[in-house]
Amino acid sequence: MLAHLREKWPDGRGVREFVRILKLHRDHPADLIAQAVSQALEYGCAHADGVLLCLRQLTSPDPSPSSLDLSRWPQLVGVGSRPPDLEAYNRLLGRDEE
């Protein structure tokens, strides 16, 4: 990670970013930091803020949203259940296929 950051920011910012990542060890276990670093590298956000974001996602994932109760609005029950008509995009662009 240090080599990557130094290559990205050779002016010294890379080392400062690496130190910020190391400071995360104060509040989080090493294996969790390692997992967050791996994710940040995979996502292409290999810097302190990217690692912190991945760490937050690992420690408190967003709960799945609950389903809406549409019993009061029966006309909305089918909305979003059908796949989109992809030909509509061609019509909007004026590319009607015959």
C-alpha atoms as a PDB file:
ATOM      1  CA  MET A   1       0.000   0.000   0.000  1.00  0.00           C
ATOM      2  CA  LEU A   2       2.811   2.394   0.849  1.00  0.00           C
ATOM      3  CA  ALA A   3       4.449   1.800  -2.528  1.00  0.00           C
ATOM      4  CA  HIS A   4       1.149   2.439  -4.292  1.00  0.00           C
ATOM      5  CA  LEU A   5       0.569   5.671  -2.391  1.00  0.00           C
ATOM      6  CA  ARG A   6       4.134   6.879  -2.957  1.00  0.00           C
ATOM      7  CA  GLU A   7       3.778   6.215  -6.663  1.00  0.00           C
ATOM      8  CA  LYS A   8       0.463   8.061  -6.782  1.00  0.00           C
ATOM      9  CA  TRP A   9       1.681  11.019  -4.706  1.00  0.00           C
ATOM     10  CA  PRO A  10       5.499  11.235  -4.798  1.00  0.00           C
ATOM     11  CA  ASP A  11       5.465  14.704  -3.214  1.00  0.00           C
ATOM     12  CA  GLY A  12       5.028  13.282   0.302  1.00  0.00           C
ATOM     13  CA  ARG A  13       1.256  13.085   0.415  1.00  0.00           C
ATOM     14  CA  GLY A  14       1.461   9.315  -0.140  1.00  0.00           C
ATOM     15  CA  VAL A  15       3.399   8.851   3.095  1.00  0.00           C
ATOM     16  CA  ARG A  16       0.949  11.070   4.965  1.00  0.00           C
ATOM     17  CA  GLU A  17      -1.974   9.001   3.626  1.00  0.00           C
ATOM     18  CA  PHE A  18      -0.209   5.828   4.729  1.00  0.00           C
ATOM     19  CA  VAL A  19       0.285   7.236   8.234  1.00  0.00           C
ATOM     20  CA  ARG A  20      -3.437   8.093   8.379  1.00  0.00           C
ATOM     21  CA  ILE A  21      -4.208   4.474   7.473  1.00  0.00           C
ATOM     22  CA  LEU A  22      -1.832   3.208  10.158  1.00  0.00           C
ATOM     23  CA  LYS A  23      -3.598   5.388  12.739  1.00  0.00           C
ATOM     24  CA  LEU A  24      -6.802   3.442  12.071  1.00  0.00           C
ATOM     25  CA  HIS A  25      -5.176   0.605  14.048  1.00  0.00           C
ATOM     26  CA  ARG A  26      -5.819   2.645  17.204  1.00  0.00           C
ATOM     27  CA  ASP A  27      -9.543   1.914  16.985  1.00  0.00           C
ATOM     28  CA  HIS A  28      -9.855  -1.190  14.797  1.00  0.00           C
ATOM     29  CA  PRO A  29      -8.350  -4.693  14.724  1.00  0.00           C
ATOM     30  CA  ALA A  30      -5.572  -5.380  12.218  1.00  0.00           C
ATOM     31  CA  ASP A  31      -7.500  -8.028  10.281  1.00  0.00           C
ATOM     32  CA  LEU A  32     -10.370  -5.607   9.685  1.00  0.00           C
ATOM     33  CA  ILE A  33      -7.950  -2.899   8.507  1.00  0.00           C
ATOM     34  CA  ALA A  34      -6.322  -5.412   6.143  1.00  0.00           C
ATOM     35  CA  GLN A  35      -9.708  -6.311   4.712  1.00  0.00           C
ATOM     36  CA  ALA A  36     -10.594  -2.631   4.238  1.00  0.00           C
ATOM     37  CA  VAL A  37      -7.242  -1.957   2.538  1.00  0.00           C
ATOM     38  CA  SER A  38      -7.830  -4.883   0.163  1.00  0.00           C
ATOM     39  CA  GLN A  39     -11.281  -3.581  -0.701  1.00  0.00           C
ATOM     40  CA  ALA A  40      -9.993  -0.052  -1.244  1.00  0.00           C
ATOM     41  CA  LEU A  41      -7.322  -1.346  -3.617  1.00  0.00           C
ATOM     42  CA  GLU A  42      -9.912  -3.439  -5.440  1.00  0.00           C
ATOM     43  CA  TYR A  43     -12.332  -0.498  -5.749  1.00  0.00           C
ATOM     44  CA  GLY A  44      -9.591   1.858  -6.933  1.00  0.00           C
ATOM     45  CA  CYS A  45      -9.864   4.180  -3.929  1.00  0.00           C
ATOM     46  CA  ALA A  46      -6.556   3.330  -2.290  1.00  0.00           C
ATOM     47  CA  HIS A  47      -6.135   6.300   0.030  1.00  0.00           C
ATOM     48  CA  ALA A  48      -6.949   6.983   3.666  1.00  0.00           C
ATOM     49  CA  ASP A  49     -10.503   8.158   3.057  1.00  0.00           C
ATOM     50  CA  GLY A  50     -11.204   5.183   0.788  1.00  0.00           C
ATOM     51  CA  VAL A  51      -9.904   2.757   3.395  1.00  0.00           C
ATOM     52  CA  LEU A  52     -11.982   4.497   6.056  1.00  0.00           C
ATOM     53  CA  LEU A  53     -15.107   4.215   3.893  1.00  0.00           C
ATOM     54  CA  CYS A  54     -14.490   0.494   3.332  1.00  0.00           C
ATOM     55  CA  LEU A  55     -13.880   0.078   7.049  1.00  0.00           C
ATOM     56  CA  ARG A  56     -17.188   1.752   7.880  1.00  0.00           C
ATOM     57  CA  GLN A  57     -19.004  -0.439   5.378  1.00  0.00           C
ATOM     58  CA  LEU A  58     -17.454  -3.536   6.942  1.00  0.00           C
ATOM     59  CA  THR A  59     -18.291  -2.549  10.519  1.00  0.00           C
ATOM     60  CA  SER A  60     -21.829  -1.272   9.968  1.00  0.00           C
ATOM     61  CA  PRO A  61     -23.337  -2.442   6.691  1.00  0.00           C
ATOM     62  CA  ASP A  62     -26.524  -0.738   5.567  1.00  0.00           C
ATOM     63  CA  PRO A  63     -29.610  -2.714   6.451  1.00  0.00           C
ATOM     64  CA  SER A  64     -31.775  -3.887   3.586  1.00  0.00           C
ATOM     65  CA  PRO A  65     -34.647  -1.509   2.976  1.00  0.00           C
ATOM     66  CA  SER A  66     -38.023  -2.851   3.974  1.00  0.00           C
ATOM     67  CA  SER A  67     -40.768  -3.396   1.416  1.00  0.00           C
ATOM     68  CA  LEU A  68     -43.354  -0.709   1.059  1.00  0.00           C
ATOM     69  CA  ASP A  69     -46.909  -1.455   2.102  1.00  0.00           C
ATOM     70  CA  LEU A  70     -48.899  -0.479  -0.982  1.00  0.00           C
ATOM     71  CA  SER A  71     -52.234  -1.835   0.229  1.00  0.00           C
ATOM     72  CA  ARG A  72     -53.631   1.718   0.339  1.00  0.00           C
ATOM     73  CA  TRP A  73     -52.448   2.383  -3.244  1.00  0.00           C
ATOM     74  CA  PRO A  74     -53.299  -0.692  -5.335  1.00  0.00           C
ATOM     75  CA  GLN A  75     -52.573   1.178  -8.564  1.00  0.00           C
ATOM     76  CA  LEU A  76     -48.860   1.211  -7.597  1.00  0.00           C
ATOM     77  CA  VAL A  77     -48.509  -2.514  -6.891  1.00  0.00           C
ATOM     78  CA  GLY A  78     -47.077  -3.349 -10.350  1.00  0.00           C
ATOM     79  CA  VAL A  79     -44.685  -0.405 -10.562  1.00  0.00           C
ATOM     80  CA  GLY A  80     -41.107  -1.557 -10.883  1.00  0.00           C
ATOM     81  CA  SER A  81     -41.968  -5.235 -11.278  1.00  0.00           C
ATOM     82  CA  ARG A  82     -41.693  -5.344 -15.064  1.00  0.00           C
ATOM     83  CA  PRO A  83     -38.349  -5.153 -16.861  1.00  0.00           C
ATOM     84  CA  PRO A  84     -37.763  -1.857 -18.661  1.00  0.00           C
ATOM     85  CA  ASP A  85     -38.518  -1.550 -22.364  1.00  0.00           C
ATOM     86  CA  LEU A  86     -35.011  -1.066 -23.735  1.00  0.00           C
ATOM     87  CA  GLU A  87     -36.349  -0.167 -27.170  1.00  0.00           C
ATOM     88  CA  ALA A  88     -37.745   2.996 -25.594  1.00  0.00           C
ATOM     89  CA  TYR A  89     -34.188   4.313 -25.376  1.00  0.00           C
ATOM     90  CA  ASN A  90     -33.686   3.780 -29.104  1.00  0.00           C
ATOM     91  CA  ARG A  91     -36.971   5.608 -29.806  1.00  0.00           C
ATOM     92  CA  LEU A  92     -35.814   8.507 -27.635  1.00  0.00           C
ATOM     93  CA  LEU A  93     -32.583   8.681 -29.608  1.00  0.00           C
ATOM     94  CA  GLY A  94     -34.473   8.511 -32.909  1.00  0.00           C
ATOM     95  CA  ARG A  95     -33.047   5.090 -33.787  1.00  0.00           C
ATOM     96  CA  ASP A  96     -36.231   3.206 -34.557  1.00  0.00           C
ATOM     97  CA  GLU A  97     -35.392  -0.251 -35.872  1.00  0.00           C
ATOM     98  CA  GLU A  98     -37.756  -1.875 -38.353  1.00  0.00           C
END
